[in-house]
Amino acid sequence: METHKAPFLMRVLPSVNYSKRDFWHRTFILLFTFMCYTSYHLSRKPISVVKSVLHHKNCSKVHDHHHADTNDTNKEWCDWAPFNHGNASDLLGYLDLAYLISYAFAMFVSGHIADRLNLRYYLSVGMIGSGLLTIAFGLGYFFDIHAFAFFVVIQVIGGMFQSTGWPSVVACVGNWFGKGKRGLIMGIWNAHTSVGNILGSVIAGAFVEQAWGWSFVVPGIIIGFIGILTFLFLVPHPKDIDCALPDHSDNSTLIVSKGIDTEADTDEEKAIRAGETTALLSNHNHQSKNEKPITIWKAFMIPGVLEFAFCLFFAKLVSYTFLYWLPKYISLNSHLSADQAAYTSTMFDVGGILGAILAGYISDRYRIRGLTCVIFLIFSAPMLYLYETFGSHLPYYGNCLLLVVCGLGVNGPYALITTAVSADLGTHRSVRDSSKALGMVTAIIDGTGSIGAAVGPMLTGVISGTGWQNVFYMLYAAIFMAVVLLTRVVIKEVKLIIHGVYEDITYIVPKPHIQDNGSGGQDNTGVANGCFKQ
């Protein structure tokens, strides 16, 4: 049993010898990584809530020169310098840009590092650092700091620490779970994004009208504390505690047309086809000591990585525009206070949870990752138009319902690409020799998407001054580009469906299920029962 890599508390806790140990370890990892990334989003959400009080909606568009000349910043004509002038939207957009650009480019480095370090150490350091930087932003309120450079520096460094989260948690989940129902499992698991946004909005909203500094300090304490728990409990890979590794091969039972040429089977695949014992698979799964992380160039060359990465650029542009500006938009276009606008904006995230689960289920059921994304994207465009046109005129609960539907359409493809698609591509046949490809592939896809996430809120800060309808035009254009970029993938999937062949996005011809031999061997997910085997 390889306990030397296990966290301290996992080594000292007594083990329980029963047949479902493997199941419980996987369940624990799923729930624990869910909690980890929930805290990441919880800590990055407050800035969108606080925008409403940094520059209040009732402030004049014209600068009051009388107050501008005074040295007492507390007597400025708006709430908090330097966001107390007519260019407040631009400055707030620059804050978003500083954070998201830092996050996006650090993501590529983060994936490189995540594949080479112990994920438990890396993730815990990232979470504690993120907590400290979030707290530091809130301290600007308590120490009466009004220097714009201070907030920019905090955002830049905070973005670097926040980039540690996504490659690490996806790599952990990918290490523990095979491809069977990956879309549905990760669709449910990806609810951490929306749950984090909701909790972040609620916590920040509770303090925003009284003392907005606490809107940052409290989430910072939460993510820092969970970072300590991560160091004590997280097991990044099943081999660290001698559990069975998941099967990353494709186990669809659909019949392959004889007219389609398949690549030559490996010895392992021949053994599976012949119905032989699973000893060969088991031995191969545990031979990971000589595995090396893949290069960024090899990750880019995996079929589908570029299409989905650039699609995510535009999908995340739309999603993060709502993440950072929706409370402000609601506050401007309604009679709601800043805290009420924050609570109302959570309806968009509720829709995001439903969209992630539904997209994951559909893509698993019909094996069409790309087409599922396109369907959701096309659906989201008219929903956004309805919200822009009628949202502010509907009764409160009608507005909330429309926000739920918009969140479902926008976050469905975003969630699918960042989870199941990334994990599938990270276990593509060309890199299946290494379990250390997941972090790099995930970082490339999410890093590219995060550049779009930086561009969207920044452009919104600039464009919103010309009218919010122009912001929505930008979102429609982004959705169109996201659909166009997946054209090749969708055409390939449609052709395969027409020919009666179903594949996942890694484009591997499916292999038959491994049947349970009745002696505790492989089930149809390819995962052996039990761990800590002697």
Protein backbone atom coordinates (compact mmCIF):
# COMPACT_ATOMS: atom_id res chain seq x y z
CA MET A 1 0.00 0.00 0.00
CA GLU A 2 1.52 3.33 -1.11
CA THR A 3 0.71 5.44 1.94
CA HIS A 4 3.81 7.65 1.74
CA LYS A 5 2.03 9.98 -0.70
CA ALA A 6 -1.23 10.07 1.23
CA PRO A 7 -2.04 13.13 3.38
CA PHE A 8 -1.24 12.86 7.07
CA LEU A 9 -4.81 12.45 8.36
CA MET A 10 -5.57 9.80 5.71
CA ARG A 11 -2.60 7.80 6.98
CA VAL A 12 -3.46 7.95 10.66
CA LEU A 13 -7.20 7.37 10.33
CA PRO A 14 -8.16 3.70 10.80
CA SER A 15 -9.07 1.84 7.61
CA VAL A 16 -12.33 -0.04 7.32
CA ASN A 17 -12.20 -3.33 5.45
CA TYR A 18 -15.32 -3.64 3.39
CA SER A 19 -16.04 -4.10 -0.28
CA LYS A 20 -17.33 -0.58 -0.99
CA ARG A 21 -14.14 1.20 0.08
CA ASP A 22 -13.31 2.16 -3.50
CA PHE A 23 -16.77 3.67 -3.98
CA TRP A 24 -16.51 5.73 -0.79
CA HIS A 25 -13.09 7.09 -1.69
CA ARG A 26 -14.38 8.23 -5.07
CA THR A 27 -17.43 9.79 -3.48
CA PHE A 28 -15.24 11.63 -0.99
CA ILE A 29 -13.00 13.01 -3.75
CA LEU A 30 -16.03 14.19 -5.73
CA LEU A 31 -17.52 15.99 -2.73
CA PHE A 32 -14.23 17.38 -1.45
CA THR A 33 -13.12 18.83 -4.81
CA PHE A 34 -16.65 20.22 -5.17
CA MET A 35 -16.16 22.07 -1.89
CA CYS A 36 -12.71 23.25 -2.96
CA TYR A 37 -13.78 24.87 -6.21
CA THR A 38 -16.96 26.23 -4.64
CA SER A 39 -14.68 28.23 -2.35
CA TYR A 40 -12.69 29.52 -5.34
CA HIS A 41 -15.80 30.98 -6.96
CA LEU A 42 -17.13 32.13 -3.61
CA SER A 43 -13.99 34.25 -3.15
CA ARG A 44 -14.01 35.79 -6.64
CA LYS A 45 -17.68 36.78 -6.66
CA PRO A 46 -17.69 39.73 -4.17
CA ILE A 47 -16.23 42.26 -6.61
CA SER A 48 -19.34 42.04 -8.80
CA VAL A 49 -21.57 42.69 -5.78
CA VAL A 50 -19.49 45.55 -4.39
CA LYS A 51 -19.43 47.44 -7.70
CA SER A 52 -22.87 48.82 -6.91
CA VAL A 53 -21.56 50.66 -3.83
CA LEU A 54 -18.11 51.56 -5.12
CA HIS A 55 -19.97 53.68 -7.66
CA HIS A 56 -23.62 54.11 -6.69
CA LYS A 57 -26.30 54.25 -9.35
CA ASN A 58 -27.56 57.62 -8.09
CA CYS A 59 -24.24 59.38 -8.62
CA SER A 60 -24.09 62.12 -11.22
CA LYS A 61 -22.44 61.48 -14.56
CA VAL A 62 -20.74 64.88 -14.33
CA HIS A 63 -17.84 65.29 -11.95
CA ASP A 64 -18.42 67.72 -9.09
CA HIS A 65 -15.33 69.92 -9.30
CA HIS A 66 -16.00 71.40 -5.89
CA HIS A 67 -15.65 68.02 -4.24
CA ALA A 68 -12.82 67.06 -6.56
CA ASP A 69 -10.66 69.78 -5.10
CA THR A 70 -11.16 68.73 -1.51
CA ASN A 71 -8.62 66.56 0.28
CA ASP A 72 -11.26 64.74 2.32
CA THR A 73 -12.06 61.65 0.24
CA ASN A 74 -14.95 60.76 2.54
CA LYS A 75 -16.77 63.88 1.32
CA GLU A 76 -16.53 62.96 -2.35
CA TRP A 77 -19.72 63.13 -4.37
CA CYS A 78 -19.83 59.35 -4.72
CA ASP A 79 -19.16 56.37 -2.50
CA TRP A 80 -15.52 55.32 -2.75
CA ALA A 81 -12.56 56.99 -4.42
CA PRO A 82 -11.09 56.40 -6.95
CA PHE A 83 -14.39 54.97 -8.29
CA ASN A 84 -16.26 58.18 -7.55
CA HIS A 85 -16.07 59.85 -10.93
CA GLY A 86 -17.79 59.50 -14.28
CA ASN A 87 -15.15 56.99 -15.45
CA ALA A 88 -16.02 54.52 -12.68
CA SER A 89 -17.29 51.88 -15.12
CA ASP A 90 -13.97 52.04 -17.01
CA LEU A 91 -11.95 51.66 -13.81
CA LEU A 92 -14.07 48.75 -12.60
CA GLY A 93 -13.67 47.14 -16.02
CA TYR A 94 -9.88 47.54 -15.73
CA LEU A 95 -9.98 45.78 -12.35
CA ASP A 96 -11.78 42.85 -13.96
CA LEU A 97 -9.29 42.89 -16.82
CA ALA A 98 -6.29 42.91 -14.48
CA TYR A 99 -7.60 39.90 -12.60
CA LEU A 100 -8.76 37.88 -15.58
CA ILE A 101 -5.74 38.49 -17.82
CA SER A 102 -3.48 37.50 -14.93
CA TYR A 103 -5.67 34.44 -14.34
CA ALA A 104 -5.72 33.47 -18.02
CA PHE A 105 -1.98 33.60 -18.65
CA ALA A 106 -1.12 32.11 -15.26
CA MET A 107 -3.44 29.23 -16.16
CA PHE A 108 -1.06 27.97 -18.87
CA VAL A 109 1.82 27.95 -16.38
CA SER A 110 -0.44 26.48 -13.72
CA GLY A 111 -1.30 23.47 -15.86
CA HIS A 112 2.40 22.90 -16.54
CA ILE A 113 3.16 22.99 -12.81
CA ALA A 114 0.10 20.96 -11.77
CA ASP A 115 1.28 18.01 -13.88
CA ARG A 116 4.67 18.07 -12.17
CA LEU A 117 3.89 18.70 -8.49
CA ASN A 118 1.84 16.93 -5.88
CA LEU A 119 -1.66 18.31 -6.45
CA ARG A 120 -2.40 18.33 -2.72
CA TYR A 121 0.45 20.74 -2.01
CA TYR A 122 -0.22 22.83 -5.07
CA LEU A 123 -3.95 23.18 -4.49
CA SER A 124 -3.65 23.96 -0.77
CA VAL A 125 -1.04 26.69 -1.39
CA GLY A 126 -3.23 28.18 -4.13
CA MET A 127 -6.30 28.25 -1.89
CA ILE A 128 -4.53 29.77 1.11
CA GLY A 129 -2.90 32.38 -1.14
CA SER A 130 -6.25 33.18 -2.78
CA GLY A 131 -7.76 33.65 0.68
CA LEU A 132 -5.04 36.06 1.77
CA LEU A 133 -5.39 38.16 -1.41
CA THR A 134 -9.18 38.27 -1.08
CA ILE A 135 -8.84 39.45 2.51
CA ALA A 136 -6.28 42.06 1.40
CA PHE A 137 -8.78 43.58 -1.04
CA GLY A 138 -11.32 43.94 1.77
CA LEU A 139 -8.72 45.54 4.04
CA GLY A 140 -8.69 48.44 1.60
CA TYR A 141 -11.99 49.45 3.16
CA PHE A 142 -10.87 49.19 6.78
CA PHE A 143 -7.56 51.01 6.19
CA ASP A 144 -9.25 53.66 4.02
CA ILE A 145 -7.11 52.92 0.95
CA HIS A 146 -8.08 54.83 -2.21
CA ALA A 147 -5.10 54.17 -4.49
CA PHE A 148 -6.26 52.49 -7.70
CA ALA A 149 -2.84 50.81 -8.03
CA PHE A 150 -3.43 48.97 -4.74
CA PHE A 151 -6.59 47.31 -6.02
CA VAL A 152 -4.97 46.48 -9.38
CA VAL A 153 -1.97 44.78 -7.75
CA ILE A 154 -4.28 42.74 -5.51
CA GLN A 155 -6.29 41.64 -8.55
CA VAL A 156 -3.19 40.65 -10.54
CA ILE A 157 -1.61 38.57 -7.76
CA GLY A 158 -5.01 37.16 -6.80
CA GLY A 159 -5.57 36.01 -10.38
CA MET A 160 -2.29 34.09 -10.28
CA PHE A 161 -3.26 32.23 -7.12
CA GLN A 162 -6.79 31.57 -8.39
CA SER A 163 -5.38 29.88 -11.51
CA THR A 164 -4.16 26.99 -9.37
CA GLY A 165 -7.71 25.74 -8.80
CA TRP A 166 -9.20 24.51 -12.04
CA PRO A 167 -6.36 22.36 -13.48
CA SER A 168 -5.88 20.78 -10.07
CA VAL A 169 -9.48 19.81 -9.28
CA VAL A 170 -10.19 18.57 -12.83
CA ALA A 171 -6.98 16.51 -12.76
CA CYS A 172 -8.00 15.01 -9.39
CA VAL A 173 -11.47 14.07 -10.60
CA GLY A 174 -10.09 12.81 -13.92
CA ASN A 175 -7.59 10.63 -12.05
CA TRP A 176 -10.34 9.00 -10.01
CA PHE A 177 -13.13 8.63 -12.59
CA GLY A 178 -13.23 6.90 -15.98
CA LYS A 179 -15.34 7.85 -18.98
CA GLY A 180 -18.52 6.03 -17.99
CA LYS A 181 -21.20 8.73 -17.49
CA ARG A 182 -18.44 11.33 -17.15
CA GLY A 183 -20.61 14.06 -18.67
CA LEU A 184 -23.44 13.57 -16.17
CA ILE A 185 -21.12 13.11 -13.17
CA MET A 186 -19.08 16.18 -14.04
CA GLY A 187 -22.22 18.11 -14.96
CA ILE A 188 -23.51 17.60 -11.44
CA TRP A 189 -20.05 18.18 -9.99
CA ASN A 190 -19.63 21.40 -12.00
CA ALA A 191 -22.50 22.90 -10.00
CA HIS A 192 -19.69 24.07 -7.69
CA THR A 193 -19.24 27.07 -10.00
CA SER A 194 -22.82 28.23 -9.60
CA VAL A 195 -23.04 27.24 -5.93
CA GLY A 196 -19.88 29.27 -5.29
CA ASN A 197 -21.34 32.24 -7.15
CA ILE A 198 -24.57 31.99 -5.18
CA LEU A 199 -22.85 31.72 -1.81
CA GLY A 200 -20.45 34.51 -2.77
CA SER A 201 -23.37 36.75 -3.72
CA VAL A 202 -25.27 35.98 -0.52
CA ILE A 203 -22.26 36.49 1.76
CA ALA A 204 -21.11 39.66 -0.01
CA GLY A 205 -24.68 40.94 -0.17
CA ALA A 206 -25.05 40.56 3.59
CA PHE A 207 -22.28 43.13 4.22
CA VAL A 208 -22.24 45.30 1.11
CA GLU A 209 -24.55 48.08 2.36
CA GLN A 210 -22.93 48.37 5.83
CA ALA A 211 -19.19 47.69 5.41
CA TRP A 212 -18.18 46.26 2.02
CA GLY A 213 -14.76 45.20 3.31
CA TRP A 214 -16.38 42.23 5.06
CA SER A 215 -17.76 41.13 1.67
CA PHE A 216 -14.16 40.15 0.85
CA VAL A 217 -12.75 39.23 4.26
CA VAL A 218 -15.33 36.55 5.07
CA PRO A 219 -14.99 34.66 1.72
CA GLY A 220 -11.19 34.96 2.06
CA ILE A 221 -11.27 33.28 5.46
CA ILE A 222 -13.50 30.51 4.09
CA ILE A 223 -11.26 29.57 1.14
CA GLY A 224 -8.14 29.77 3.32
CA PHE A 225 -9.65 27.38 5.87
CA ILE A 226 -10.68 24.91 3.16
CA GLY A 227 -7.12 25.16 1.80
CA ILE A 228 -5.85 23.87 5.15
CA LEU A 229 -8.35 20.99 4.98
CA THR A 230 -7.09 20.23 1.47
CA PHE A 231 -3.55 19.82 2.77
CA LEU A 232 -4.78 17.46 5.47
CA PHE A 233 -7.24 15.30 3.50
CA LEU A 234 -6.95 15.44 -0.32
CA VAL A 235 -5.78 12.29 -2.14
CA PRO A 236 -5.02 13.43 -5.73
CA HIS A 237 -4.62 9.97 -7.28
CA PRO A 238 -5.98 6.50 -6.43
CA LYS A 239 -2.51 4.98 -6.65
CA ASP A 240 -1.45 7.14 -3.70
CA ILE A 241 -3.50 4.86 -1.43
CA ASP A 242 -3.31 1.76 -3.64
CA CYS A 243 -6.85 2.01 -5.04
CA ALA A 244 -7.80 0.65 -8.44
CA LEU A 245 -7.35 3.07 -11.33
CA PRO A 246 -10.32 4.00 -13.55
CA ASP A 247 -10.64 2.88 -17.14
CA HIS A 248 -10.18 5.76 -19.60
CA SER A 249 -10.96 3.66 -22.70
CA ASP A 250 -14.23 3.96 -24.60
CA ASN A 251 -16.70 1.24 -23.63
CA SER A 252 -19.71 1.92 -25.82
CA THR A 253 -21.65 -1.19 -26.78
CA LEU A 254 -22.83 0.11 -30.14
CA ILE A 255 -21.88 -1.92 -33.19
CA VAL A 256 -19.20 -0.44 -35.43
CA SER A 257 -19.83 -0.54 -39.16
CA LYS A 258 -17.58 -3.00 -40.95
CA GLY A 259 -16.89 -0.39 -43.58
CA ILE A 260 -15.03 1.77 -41.10
CA ASP A 261 -11.38 0.94 -40.67
CA THR A 262 -10.24 0.84 -37.05
CA GLU A 263 -6.69 1.20 -35.88
CA ALA A 264 -4.84 -1.92 -34.82
CA ASP A 265 -5.67 -3.10 -31.36
CA THR A 266 -3.09 -3.01 -28.64
CA ASP A 267 -2.40 -6.17 -26.66
CA GLU A 268 -4.58 -4.78 -23.90
CA GLU A 269 -7.50 -4.15 -26.27
CA LYS A 270 -7.15 -7.64 -27.79
CA ALA A 271 -7.36 -9.09 -24.32
CA ILE A 272 -10.54 -7.13 -23.67
CA ARG A 273 -12.07 -8.22 -26.98
CA ALA A 274 -11.22 -11.84 -26.30
CA GLY A 275 -12.92 -11.68 -22.91
CA GLU A 276 -9.72 -12.62 -21.13
CA THR A 277 -8.98 -11.80 -17.53
CA THR A 278 -8.41 -8.23 -16.49
CA ALA A 279 -4.97 -8.88 -15.05
CA LEU A 280 -3.29 -7.21 -18.02
CA LEU A 281 -5.39 -4.07 -17.57
CA SER A 282 -4.77 -4.02 -13.84
CA ASN A 283 -1.02 -4.36 -14.24
CA HIS A 284 -0.94 -1.65 -16.87
CA ASN A 285 -2.97 0.71 -14.70
CA HIS A 286 -0.48 0.51 -11.86
CA GLN A 287 2.63 1.00 -14.03
CA SER A 288 2.77 4.75 -13.63
CA LYS A 289 6.16 5.38 -12.08
CA ASN A 290 7.84 6.23 -15.39
CA GLU A 291 5.05 8.45 -16.67
CA LYS A 292 6.14 11.91 -17.82
CA PRO A 293 4.00 15.04 -18.22
CA ILE A 294 3.27 15.97 -21.83
CA THR A 295 4.52 19.15 -23.49
CA ILE A 296 2.21 22.05 -24.24
CA TRP A 297 2.77 21.49 -27.99
CA LYS A 298 1.63 17.87 -27.77
CA ALA A 299 -1.44 18.95 -25.81
CA PHE A 300 -2.33 21.47 -28.53
CA MET A 301 -2.07 18.73 -31.16
CA ILE A 302 -4.73 16.52 -29.55
CA PRO A 303 -7.73 16.52 -31.95
CA GLY A 304 -10.46 18.80 -30.68
CA VAL A 305 -8.39 20.84 -28.22
CA LEU A 306 -8.15 23.95 -30.40
CA GLU A 307 -11.82 23.94 -31.43
CA PHE A 308 -13.11 23.59 -27.91
CA ALA A 309 -10.54 25.99 -26.47
CA PHE A 310 -11.54 28.83 -28.81
CA CYS A 311 -15.22 27.99 -28.44
CA LEU A 312 -14.74 28.34 -24.69
CA PHE A 313 -13.12 31.74 -25.32
CA PHE A 314 -16.46 33.09 -26.53
CA ALA A 315 -18.66 31.01 -24.21
CA LYS A 316 -16.74 32.23 -21.18
CA LEU A 317 -16.85 35.80 -22.49
CA VAL A 318 -20.64 35.63 -22.21
CA SER A 319 -20.71 33.80 -18.87
CA TYR A 320 -18.21 36.06 -17.12
CA THR A 321 -19.89 39.20 -18.39
CA PHE A 322 -22.89 38.08 -16.37
CA LEU A 323 -20.71 36.96 -13.47
CA TYR A 324 -19.09 40.38 -13.06
CA TRP A 325 -21.79 42.76 -14.25
CA LEU A 326 -25.21 41.20 -13.66
CA PRO A 327 -25.73 42.63 -10.13
CA LYS A 328 -24.75 46.07 -11.42
CA TYR A 329 -27.07 45.73 -14.43
CA ILE A 330 -30.00 44.65 -12.24
CA SER A 331 -29.35 47.52 -9.84
CA LEU A 332 -29.30 50.04 -12.71
CA ASN A 333 -32.45 48.74 -14.38
CA SER A 334 -34.63 48.23 -11.33
CA HIS A 335 -35.51 49.79 -8.01
CA LEU A 336 -33.62 47.11 -6.13
CA SER A 337 -30.84 47.93 -3.65
CA ALA A 338 -27.32 46.58 -4.04
CA ASP A 339 -27.94 43.62 -1.72
CA GLN A 340 -31.30 42.80 -3.35
CA ALA A 341 -29.67 42.93 -6.80
CA ALA A 342 -26.98 40.53 -5.57
CA TYR A 343 -29.58 38.04 -4.34
CA THR A 344 -31.59 38.32 -7.58
CA SER A 345 -28.51 37.66 -9.71
CA THR A 346 -28.18 34.22 -8.10
CA MET A 347 -31.10 33.05 -10.26
CA PHE A 348 -28.73 33.08 -13.23
CA ASP A 349 -26.47 30.66 -11.34
CA VAL A 350 -29.41 28.44 -10.42
CA GLY A 351 -30.06 28.11 -14.15
CA GLY A 352 -26.36 27.37 -14.60
CA ILE A 353 -26.63 24.36 -12.29
CA LEU A 354 -29.57 22.97 -14.28
CA GLY A 355 -27.80 23.66 -17.58
CA ALA A 356 -24.61 21.87 -16.53
CA ILE A 357 -26.51 18.75 -15.44
CA LEU A 358 -28.74 18.70 -18.51
CA ALA A 359 -25.85 19.24 -20.93
CA GLY A 360 -23.85 16.49 -19.23
CA TYR A 361 -26.75 14.04 -19.39
CA ILE A 362 -27.51 14.73 -23.08
CA SER A 363 -23.87 14.48 -24.12
CA ASP A 364 -23.51 11.15 -22.28
CA ARG A 365 -26.80 9.74 -23.54
CA TYR A 366 -26.16 10.50 -27.21
CA ARG A 367 -22.32 10.76 -27.21
CA ILE A 368 -22.43 14.22 -28.84
CA ARG A 369 -20.32 16.65 -26.83
CA GLY A 370 -19.96 19.23 -29.64
CA LEU A 371 -23.56 19.15 -30.85
CA THR A 372 -24.83 19.49 -27.29
CA CYS A 373 -22.77 22.66 -26.85
CA VAL A 374 -24.09 24.12 -30.10
CA ILE A 375 -27.73 23.38 -29.22
CA PHE A 376 -27.38 25.16 -25.87
CA LEU A 377 -25.57 28.13 -27.42
CA ILE A 378 -28.23 28.60 -30.10
CA PHE A 379 -30.93 28.37 -27.44
CA SER A 380 -29.25 31.01 -25.26
CA ALA A 381 -29.23 33.81 -27.87
CA PRO A 382 -33.04 34.39 -28.07
CA MET A 383 -33.29 33.96 -24.29
CA LEU A 384 -30.80 36.79 -23.77
CA TYR A 385 -32.79 38.94 -26.21
CA LEU A 386 -35.98 38.30 -24.24
CA TYR A 387 -34.25 39.20 -20.99
CA GLU A 388 -32.81 42.41 -22.43
CA THR A 389 -36.15 43.45 -23.95
CA PHE A 390 -38.65 42.37 -21.32
CA GLY A 391 -36.71 41.55 -18.15
CA SER A 392 -37.10 44.93 -16.47
CA HIS A 393 -40.82 45.09 -17.37
CA LEU A 394 -41.78 41.72 -15.92
CA PRO A 395 -42.94 41.12 -12.35
CA TYR A 396 -40.11 40.20 -10.00
CA TYR A 397 -40.66 36.43 -10.16
CA GLY A 398 -41.02 36.54 -13.95
CA ASN A 399 -37.67 38.30 -14.12
CA CYS A 400 -36.14 35.61 -11.91
CA LEU A 401 -37.55 32.82 -14.09
CA LEU A 402 -36.11 34.42 -17.23
CA LEU A 403 -32.73 34.70 -15.52
CA VAL A 404 -32.86 30.97 -14.72
CA VAL A 405 -33.52 30.13 -18.37
CA CYS A 406 -30.70 32.42 -19.54
CA GLY A 407 -28.30 30.79 -17.08
CA LEU A 408 -29.29 27.34 -18.32
CA GLY A 409 -28.47 28.23 -21.92
CA VAL A 410 -25.26 30.16 -21.25
CA ASN A 411 -23.61 27.94 -18.64
CA GLY A 412 -24.55 24.55 -20.11
CA PRO A 413 -21.85 24.48 -22.83
CA TYR A 414 -19.38 26.38 -20.65
CA ALA A 415 -19.70 23.73 -17.94
CA LEU A 416 -19.53 20.82 -20.38
CA ILE A 417 -16.35 22.05 -22.09
CA THR A 418 -14.49 22.83 -18.89
CA THR A 419 -15.28 19.45 -17.31
CA ALA A 420 -16.20 16.38 -19.38
CA VAL A 421 -14.68 17.62 -22.65
CA SER A 422 -11.43 18.63 -20.95
CA ALA A 423 -11.21 15.33 -19.09
CA ASP A 424 -11.96 13.36 -22.26
CA LEU A 425 -9.28 15.17 -24.22
CA GLY A 426 -6.84 14.81 -21.34
CA THR A 427 -7.20 11.02 -21.63
CA HIS A 428 -7.05 10.94 -25.44
CA ARG A 429 -5.42 7.84 -26.92
CA SER A 430 -2.36 9.86 -28.01
CA VAL A 431 -1.57 10.74 -24.37
CA ARG A 432 -3.12 7.80 -22.57
CA ASP A 433 0.35 6.58 -21.67
CA SER A 434 0.48 9.38 -19.13
CA SER A 435 -2.01 10.20 -16.40
CA LYS A 436 -0.22 13.54 -16.14
CA ALA A 437 -1.77 15.08 -19.27
CA LEU A 438 -5.00 16.19 -17.62
CA GLY A 439 -3.62 19.30 -15.97
CA MET A 440 -1.99 20.60 -19.15
CA VAL A 441 -4.99 19.96 -21.41
CA THR A 442 -7.38 21.46 -18.87
CA ALA A 443 -5.15 24.51 -18.47
CA ILE A 444 -4.95 25.10 -22.24
CA ILE A 445 -8.71 24.91 -22.70
CA ASP A 446 -9.64 26.90 -19.61
CA GLY A 447 -6.74 29.33 -20.06
CA THR A 448 -7.89 30.18 -23.57
CA GLY A 449 -11.43 30.51 -22.29
CA SER A 450 -10.23 32.75 -19.48
CA ILE A 451 -8.80 35.23 -21.98
CA GLY A 452 -12.35 35.57 -23.29
CA ALA A 453 -13.51 35.87 -19.68
CA ALA A 454 -11.13 38.83 -19.33
CA VAL A 455 -12.19 40.49 -22.58
CA GLY A 456 -15.95 40.30 -21.90
CA PRO A 457 -16.13 42.19 -18.58
CA MET A 458 -13.53 44.71 -19.78
CA LEU A 459 -15.48 45.50 -22.95
CA THR A 460 -18.66 45.68 -20.91
CA GLY A 461 -17.13 48.38 -18.73
CA VAL A 462 -16.37 50.43 -21.84
CA ILE A 463 -19.44 49.64 -23.94
CA SER A 464 -22.02 50.01 -21.16
CA GLY A 465 -21.46 53.76 -21.24
CA THR A 466 -22.97 53.83 -24.75
CA GLY A 467 -26.01 51.81 -23.69
CA TRP A 468 -26.54 48.32 -22.34
CA GLN A 469 -28.18 47.19 -25.58
CA ASN A 470 -24.71 47.40 -27.17
CA VAL A 471 -23.39 45.03 -24.50
CA PHE A 472 -26.03 42.50 -25.50
CA TYR A 473 -25.05 42.89 -29.17
CA MET A 474 -21.53 41.91 -28.14
CA LEU A 475 -22.90 38.83 -26.37
CA TYR A 476 -24.91 37.77 -29.45
CA ALA A 477 -21.78 38.06 -31.61
CA ALA A 478 -19.78 35.97 -29.13
CA ILE A 479 -22.42 33.21 -29.17
CA PHE A 480 -22.37 33.18 -32.98
CA MET A 481 -18.57 32.78 -33.04
CA ALA A 482 -18.71 29.98 -30.46
CA VAL A 483 -21.16 28.06 -32.66
CA VAL A 484 -19.06 28.59 -35.81
CA LEU A 485 -15.91 27.30 -34.13
CA LEU A 486 -17.54 23.93 -33.38
CA THR A 487 -18.77 23.43 -36.96
CA ARG A 488 -16.17 20.79 -37.84
CA VAL A 489 -16.79 18.85 -34.65
CA VAL A 490 -20.56 18.91 -35.16
CA ILE A 491 -20.31 17.80 -38.80
CA LYS A 492 -18.15 14.86 -37.75
CA GLU A 493 -20.57 13.86 -34.99
CA VAL A 494 -23.58 14.08 -37.32
CA LYS A 495 -21.84 11.92 -39.93
CA LEU A 496 -21.03 9.31 -37.31
CA ILE A 497 -24.64 9.27 -36.12
CA ILE A 498 -25.89 8.87 -39.70
CA HIS A 499 -23.55 5.90 -40.20
CA GLY A 500 -24.70 4.32 -36.94
CA VAL A 501 -21.43 4.90 -35.10
CA TYR A 502 -21.35 6.84 -31.84
CA GLU A 503 -18.08 8.20 -30.51
CA ASP A 504 -17.06 10.67 -27.86
CA ILE A 505 -15.14 13.81 -28.72
CA THR A 506 -11.79 12.00 -28.61
CA TYR A 507 -12.80 10.31 -31.88
CA ILE A 508 -11.89 6.80 -30.78
CA VAL A 509 -13.85 3.86 -32.15
CA PRO A 510 -15.71 2.40 -29.15
CA LYS A 511 -14.76 -0.89 -27.64
CA PRO A 512 -17.11 -3.42 -26.01
CA HIS A 513 -17.94 -3.35 -22.30
CA ILE A 514 -15.89 -5.41 -19.91
CA GLN A 515 -18.37 -7.72 -18.29
CA ASP A 516 -18.29 -8.57 -14.62
CA ASN A 517 -16.87 -12.05 -14.25
CA GLY A 518 -18.69 -12.49 -10.96
CA SER A 519 -15.49 -12.55 -8.91
CA GLY A 520 -15.06 -8.88 -8.06
CA GLY A 521 -13.40 -8.07 -11.36
CA GLN A 522 -14.10 -5.27 -13.80
CA ASP A 523 -17.57 -3.84 -14.16
CA ASN A 524 -18.81 -1.89 -17.17
CA THR A 525 -16.91 1.22 -16.10
CA GLY A 526 -13.67 -0.69 -16.13
CA VAL A 527 -12.95 -0.03 -12.46
CA ALA A 528 -11.97 -2.87 -10.21
CA ASN A 529 -13.71 -3.18 -6.89
CA GLY A 530 -11.85 -2.41 -3.72
CA CYS A 531 -8.54 -0.82 -2.80
CA PHE A 532 -5.76 -1.29 -0.25
CA LYS A 533 -5.33 -4.75 -1.69
CA GLN A 534 -2.64 -6.81 -0.07
